[in-house]
Structures are given as structure tokens and as C-alpha cells.
C-alpha atoms as a PDB file:
ATOM      1  CA  MET A   1       0.000   0.000   0.000  1.00  0.00           C
ATOM      2  CA  PRO A   2       1.472   3.395  -0.953  1.00  0.00           C
ATOM      3  CA  ILE A   3       2.205   5.922   1.756  1.00  0.00           C
ATOM      4  CA  PRO A   4      -0.275   8.819   1.935  1.00  0.00           C
ATOM      5  CA  THR A   5       1.126  11.738  -0.065  1.00  0.00           C
ATOM      6  CA  LEU A   6      -0.434  15.197  -0.204  1.00  0.00           C
ATOM      7  CA  LEU A   7       0.213  18.503  -1.932  1.00  0.00           C
ATOM      8  CA  ALA A   8      -1.093  21.629  -0.229  1.00  0.00           C
ATOM      9  CA  LYS A   9      -1.160  25.093  -1.784  1.00  0.00           C
ATOM     10  CA  LEU A  10      -1.635  28.444  -0.059  1.00  0.00           C
ATOM     11  CA  THR A  11      -1.493  31.939  -1.510  1.00  0.00           C
ATOM     12  CA  ALA A  12      -0.854  35.014   0.630  1.00  0.00           C
ATOM     13  CA  LYS A  13      -3.022  38.084   0.509  1.00  0.00           C
ATOM     14  CA  PRO A  14      -1.124  41.029  -0.986  1.00  0.00           C
ATOM     15  CA  GLY A  15       1.106  42.507   1.722  1.00  0.00           C
ATOM     16  CA  HIS A  16       0.747  39.401   3.944  1.00  0.00           C
ATOM     17  CA  GLU A  17       3.506  37.291   2.374  1.00  0.00           C
ATOM     18  CA  ALA A  18       5.954  37.581   5.280  1.00  0.00           C
ATOM     19  CA  ALA A  19       3.316  36.921   7.931  1.00  0.00           C
ATOM     20  CA  LEU A  20       2.010  33.833   6.147  1.00  0.00           C
ATOM     21  CA  HIS A  21       5.571  32.611   5.557  1.00  0.00           C
ATOM     22  CA  ALA A  22       6.328  32.933   9.285  1.00  0.00           C
ATOM     23  CA  ALA A  23       3.150  31.043  10.268  1.00  0.00           C
ATOM     24  CA  LEU A  24       3.902  28.258   7.795  1.00  0.00           C
ATOM     25  CA  GLU A  25       7.495  27.957   8.955  1.00  0.00           C
ATOM     26  CA  ALA A  26       6.305  27.714  12.565  1.00  0.00           C
ATOM     27  CA  ALA A  27       3.972  24.901  11.491  1.00  0.00           C
ATOM     28  CA  VAL A  28       6.891  23.009   9.947  1.00  0.00           C
ATOM     29  CA  HIS A  29       8.786  23.172  13.240  1.00  0.00           C
ATOM     30  CA  ALA A  30       5.716  22.098  15.231  1.00  0.00           C
ATOM     31  CA  VAL A  31       5.134  19.119  12.944  1.00  0.00           C
ATOM     32  CA  ASP A  32       8.780  18.121  13.280  1.00  0.00           C
ATOM     33  CA  GLU A  33       8.577  18.196  17.073  1.00  0.00           C
ATOM     34  CA  ALA A  34       5.137  16.660  17.601  1.00  0.00           C
ATOM     35  CA  GLU A  35       4.269  14.302  14.743  1.00  0.00           C
ATOM     36  CA  PRO A  36       6.474  11.220  14.402  1.00  0.00           C
ATOM     37  CA  GLY A  37       4.125   9.780  11.754  1.00  0.00           C
ATOM     38  CA  VAL A  38       5.016  12.552   9.315  1.00  0.00           C
ATOM     39  CA  LEU A  39       7.757  11.326   6.991  1.00  0.00           C
ATOM     40  CA  THR A  40       8.076  14.462   4.837  1.00  0.00           C
ATOM     41  CA  TYR A  41       6.642  17.934   5.425  1.00  0.00           C
ATOM     42  CA  SER A  42       8.435  20.209   3.017  1.00  0.00           C
ATOM     43  CA  MET A  43       7.497  23.851   2.367  1.00  0.00           C
ATOM     44  CA  HIS A  44       8.306  25.484  -0.977  1.00  0.00           C
ATOM     45  CA  THR A  45       7.638  28.784  -2.708  1.00  0.00           C
ATOM     46  CA  VAL A  46       7.068  29.288  -6.402  1.00  0.00           C
ATOM     47  CA  GLU A  47      10.076  30.741  -8.188  1.00  0.00           C
ATOM     48  CA  GLY A  48       9.303  34.391  -8.892  1.00  0.00           C
ATOM     49  CA  ASP A  49       6.173  34.312  -6.690  1.00  0.00           C
ATOM     50  CA  PRO A  50       7.177  34.347  -3.006  1.00  0.00           C
ATOM     51  CA  GLY A  51       3.542  34.641  -1.902  1.00  0.00           C
ATOM     52  CA  THR A  52       2.537  31.206  -3.181  1.00  0.00           C
ATOM     53  CA  PHE A  53       3.461  28.270  -0.955  1.00  0.00           C
ATOM     54  CA  TRP A  54       3.356  24.553  -1.659  1.00  0.00           C
ATOM     55  CA  PHE A  55       3.761  21.737   0.832  1.00  0.00           C
ATOM     56  CA  PHE A  56       4.832  18.234  -0.137  1.00  0.00           C
ATOM     57  CA  GLU A  57       3.670  15.907   2.634  1.00  0.00           C
ATOM     58  CA  GLN A  58       4.153  12.181   3.173  1.00  0.00           C
ATOM     59  CA  TYR A  59       2.756  10.241   6.115  1.00  0.00           C
ATOM     60  CA  GLU A  60       3.424   6.840   7.647  1.00  0.00           C
ATOM     61  CA  ASP A  61      -0.238   5.881   7.248  1.00  0.00           C
ATOM     62  CA  ASP A  62      -3.753   7.303   7.251  1.00  0.00           C
ATOM     63  CA  ALA A  63      -3.749   7.461  11.055  1.00  0.00           C
ATOM     64  CA  ALA A  64      -0.812   9.904  10.839  1.00  0.00           C
ATOM     65  CA  VAL A  65      -2.784  12.029   8.356  1.00  0.00           C
ATOM     66  CA  ALA A  66      -5.729  12.065  10.762  1.00  0.00           C
ATOM     67  CA  ALA A  67      -3.458  12.993  13.679  1.00  0.00           C
ATOM     68  CA  HIS A  68      -2.037  15.878  11.649  1.00  0.00           C
ATOM     69  CA  ARG A  69      -5.491  17.167  10.744  1.00  0.00           C
ATOM     70  CA  THR A  70      -6.568  17.229  14.395  1.00  0.00           C
ATOM     71  CA  SER A  71      -3.331  18.623  15.854  1.00  0.00           C
ATOM     72  CA  PRO A  72      -3.394  21.866  17.874  1.00  0.00           C
ATOM     73  CA  HIS A  73      -0.652  23.402  15.730  1.00  0.00           C
ATOM     74  CA  LEU A  74      -2.718  22.836  12.568  1.00  0.00           C
ATOM     75  CA  ALA A  75      -5.616  24.610  14.279  1.00  0.00           C
ATOM     76  CA  ALA A  76      -3.278  27.548  14.993  1.00  0.00           C
ATOM     77  CA  LEU A  77      -2.100  27.510  11.381  1.00  0.00           C
ATOM     78  CA  ILE A  78      -5.685  27.591  10.098  1.00  0.00           C
ATOM     79  CA  ALA A  79      -6.297  30.731  12.179  1.00  0.00           C
ATOM     80  CA  ALA A  80      -3.244  32.348  10.553  1.00  0.00           C
ATOM     81  CA  VAL A  81      -4.390  31.211   7.125  1.00  0.00           C
ATOM     82  CA  ARG A  82      -7.762  32.910   7.664  1.00  0.00           C
ATOM     83  CA  GLU A  83      -5.941  36.152   8.438  1.00  0.00           C
ATOM     84  CA  HIS A  84      -3.102  36.057   5.895  1.00  0.00           C
ATOM     85  CA  ALA A  85      -4.058  33.778   3.000  1.00  0.00           C
ATOM     86  CA  ASP A  86      -6.170  34.585  -0.017  1.00  0.00           C
ATOM     87  CA  GLY A  87      -8.602  31.697   0.358  1.00  0.00           C
ATOM     88  CA  GLY A  88      -7.978  28.512   2.251  1.00  0.00           C
ATOM     89  CA  ILE A  89      -5.613  25.602   1.967  1.00  0.00           C
ATOM     90  CA  GLU A  90      -6.010  23.667  -1.274  1.00  0.00           C
ATOM     91  CA  VAL A  91      -5.106  20.020  -0.536  1.00  0.00           C
ATOM     92  CA  THR A  92      -4.689  17.299  -3.154  1.00  0.00           C
ATOM     93  CA  ARG A  93      -4.063  13.650  -2.327  1.00  0.00           C
ATOM     94  CA  LEU A  94      -1.713  11.996  -4.796  1.00  0.00           C
ATOM     95  CA  THR A  95      -1.603   8.415  -6.062  1.00  0.00           C
ATOM     96  CA  PRO A  96       1.824   7.183  -7.147  1.00  0.00           C
ATOM     97  CA  VAL A  97       2.083   5.964 -10.717  1.00  0.00           C
ATOM     98  CA  ALA A  98       5.824   5.648 -11.392  1.00  0.00           C
ATOM     99  CA  GLY A  99       9.036   7.138 -10.072  1.00  0.00           C
ATOM    100  CA  ILE A 100      12.299   6.634  -8.272  1.00  0.00           C
ATOM    101  CA  THR A 101      13.619   7.551  -4.845  1.00  0.00           C
ATOM    102  CA  ARG A 102      17.340   7.602  -4.165  1.00  0.00           C
END
């Protein structure tokens, strides 16, 4: 069974890029400290568009995904997203088709 893999996209409101970036970075640190079932939680920006953020997330299993979704730090992040993001968090669950990992 493939490991749960998600992509999440957030876009900052104009003038809120730094505040959203700081909230997202804090979430990365909280996940690292509190969620052992998270295998990868990697934040990226779009080249030439520092207000658009993408997360590549991989979890041990669906229970780890559920734990992430109910974590207190995700609740705090959602509050920051409401204030600083243009819209919500767009999450897409991926299904592996082919690839390599080194």
C-alpha cells in the first residue's frame, strides 16, 4: 500500500507574504517536534512568486494524516491562514504511478 502523499497550496493576501511565511514555517517546526508519523513535510515557494506556498507531505499511514489534521498546531495555522491567505488551503491527495527515490 502506498504511503499517503499530499500537496497543499496556499497563496498570501497582498502585503501578507511575510506573515504567512512565518506562520507556515512555525507549522513546519511544530510538525517536526510533535508528529512522528510525518515522513516528509516540506514547504516550498514558487520561483518568482514568493507569496505562493506549496507543501509536499508524506505520512506513515492514514492514522498519521488524521493525527495531523486534528493537531493543535494545525488549528493555529488555520487561524493564521484565515488572516493572511487569499482563500484557504487547497489540498490534493496523490496516487503514485511511477518514479524513483534515491
